[in-house]
Protein backbone atom coordinates (compact mmCIF):
# COMPACT_ATOMS: atom_id res chain seq x y z
CA GLN A 1 12.49 -11.89 12.45
CA VAL A 2 11.24 -9.42 9.85
CA GLN A 3 11.01 -10.29 6.19
CA LEU A 4 10.41 -8.01 3.20
CA VAL A 5 8.96 -9.72 0.15
CA GLU A 6 8.98 -7.92 -3.17
CA SER A 7 6.92 -8.54 -6.27
CA GLY A 8 6.06 -6.89 -9.56
CA GLY A 9 9.28 -6.81 -11.55
CA GLY A 10 9.57 -7.99 -15.11
CA LEU A 11 10.27 -7.12 -18.72
CA VAL A 12 8.57 -4.12 -20.31
CA GLN A 13 9.06 -2.01 -23.41
CA ALA A 14 10.23 1.56 -23.19
CA GLY A 15 7.35 3.86 -22.35
CA GLY A 16 5.55 1.15 -20.43
CA SER A 17 4.69 0.85 -16.76
CA LEU A 18 5.32 -1.50 -13.87
CA ARG A 19 4.25 -1.49 -10.25
CA LEU A 20 6.48 -2.92 -7.57
CA SER A 21 5.22 -4.01 -4.16
CA CYS A 22 7.07 -4.82 -0.97
CA ALA A 23 5.32 -6.26 2.07
CA ALA A 24 6.79 -6.60 5.55
CA SER A 25 5.96 -9.59 7.71
CA GLY A 26 7.04 -10.84 11.11
CA ARG A 27 7.00 -9.34 14.59
CA PHE A 28 7.51 -5.61 14.89
CA ARG A 29 5.92 -2.57 16.46
CA SER A 30 5.91 -0.08 13.64
CA LEU A 31 7.41 0.92 10.34
CA GLY A 32 9.19 4.16 9.68
CA ARG A 33 10.99 5.20 6.53
CA MET A 34 10.26 3.07 3.44
CA ALA A 35 12.36 3.33 0.33
CA TRP A 36 13.25 1.84 -3.02
CA TYR A 37 16.80 1.48 -4.27
CA ARG A 38 18.14 0.08 -7.51
CA GLN A 39 21.40 -1.34 -8.73
CA ALA A 40 22.33 -1.64 -12.37
CA PRO A 41 25.17 -3.92 -13.52
CA GLY A 42 28.54 -2.40 -12.74
CA LYS A 43 27.03 0.48 -10.80
CA GLN A 44 26.51 1.30 -7.16
CA ARG A 45 23.15 0.91 -5.48
CA GLU A 46 21.26 4.20 -5.61
CA LEU A 47 18.24 5.61 -3.85
CA VAL A 48 15.24 5.89 -6.16
CA ALA A 49 12.50 7.12 -3.84
CA GLN A 50 11.66 7.28 -0.16
CA SER A 51 8.56 7.76 1.93
CA LEU A 52 8.93 9.05 5.47
CA SER A 53 6.43 8.17 8.16
CA GLY A 54 5.22 11.77 8.32
CA GLY A 55 4.19 11.70 4.67
CA THR A 56 7.15 13.34 2.98
CA THR A 57 8.37 11.71 -0.21
CA ASN A 58 11.60 12.27 -2.11
CA TYR A 59 12.78 11.12 -5.51
CA ALA A 60 16.01 10.83 -7.43
CA ASP A 61 16.18 13.47 -10.15
CA SER A 62 16.30 10.75 -12.80
CA VAL A 63 12.82 9.46 -11.89
CA LYS A 64 10.97 12.61 -10.85
CA GLY A 65 7.67 12.93 -12.64
CA ARG A 66 7.73 9.29 -13.76
CA PHE A 67 7.83 7.22 -10.55
CA THR A 68 5.51 7.43 -7.55
CA ILE A 69 6.15 5.89 -4.16
CA SER A 70 3.23 5.17 -1.87
CA ARG A 71 2.62 3.21 1.30
CA ASP A 72 -0.24 1.38 2.94
CA ASN A 73 0.55 1.26 6.64
CA ALA A 74 -2.39 -1.03 7.36
CA LYS A 75 -0.91 -3.61 4.99
CA ASN A 76 2.73 -2.91 5.93
CA THR A 77 3.41 -2.41 2.25
CA VAL A 78 5.25 0.07 0.08
CA TYR A 79 4.68 0.47 -3.65
CA LEU A 80 6.60 1.97 -6.52
CA GLN A 81 4.57 2.91 -9.56
CA MET A 82 6.91 3.29 -12.51
CA ASP A 83 5.61 4.99 -15.64
CA SER A 84 7.27 6.12 -18.86
CA LEU A 85 10.01 3.59 -18.28
CA LYS A 86 13.33 4.01 -20.05
CA PRO A 87 16.05 1.46 -20.85
CA GLU A 88 18.28 3.20 -18.29
CA ASP A 89 15.79 2.21 -15.60
CA THR A 90 16.88 -1.39 -16.04
CA ALA A 91 18.21 -2.65 -12.71
CA VAL A 92 17.51 -4.84 -9.73
CA TYR A 93 15.16 -2.93 -7.45
CA TYR A 94 15.34 -3.37 -3.67
CA CYS A 95 12.93 -2.18 -1.03
CA ASN A 96 14.24 -0.98 2.29
CA MET A 97 12.33 -0.36 5.51
CA ASN A 98 13.21 1.03 8.90
CA VAL A 99 11.47 -1.26 11.37
CA ARG A 100 10.87 -0.81 15.07
CA GLY A 101 11.25 -4.04 16.97
CA VAL A 102 10.83 -4.51 20.71
CA ALA A 103 13.38 -1.89 21.67
CA VAL A 104 15.32 -0.67 18.66
CA TRP A 105 14.93 0.42 15.06
CA SER A 106 16.64 -1.68 12.40
CA ASP A 107 16.98 -1.59 8.63
CA TYR A 108 15.73 -4.45 6.49
CA TRP A 109 16.08 -5.19 2.78
CA GLY A 110 13.99 -7.09 0.30
CA GLN A 111 15.47 -9.80 -1.90
CA GLY A 112 15.44 -7.64 -5.01
CA THR A 113 13.34 -7.83 -8.15
CA GLN A 114 14.62 -7.46 -11.70
CA VAL A 115 13.22 -4.72 -13.90
CA THR A 116 14.25 -4.82 -17.55
CA VAL A 117 13.19 -2.12 -20.00
CA SER A 118 13.73 -2.88 -23.67
CA SER A 119 14.20 -0.18 -26.30
């Protein structure tokens, strides 16, 4: 069984920074796409940023220039550096990874970490 464990959320003032981490553990062969999603109260979950195994990264327009996704394949970890935070960034942030098991690829989710940005 694969588990994704997130850390790094919290309360920060507008303009501040936070760094989220998500580490994969368990038995698997490799990791492919890694991504961060967020869900604010009353809204649908949305993609924030993704990192493909070939190195390509993509960002939601709302976070471009402020957030940076990175990955450390040796540590099976994905990060989200969030700078110049705004109150509208307040949400529960979830990491998502595409994991190759013995024979198939499957999607896994972290437990979510709360990010609250005060004005």
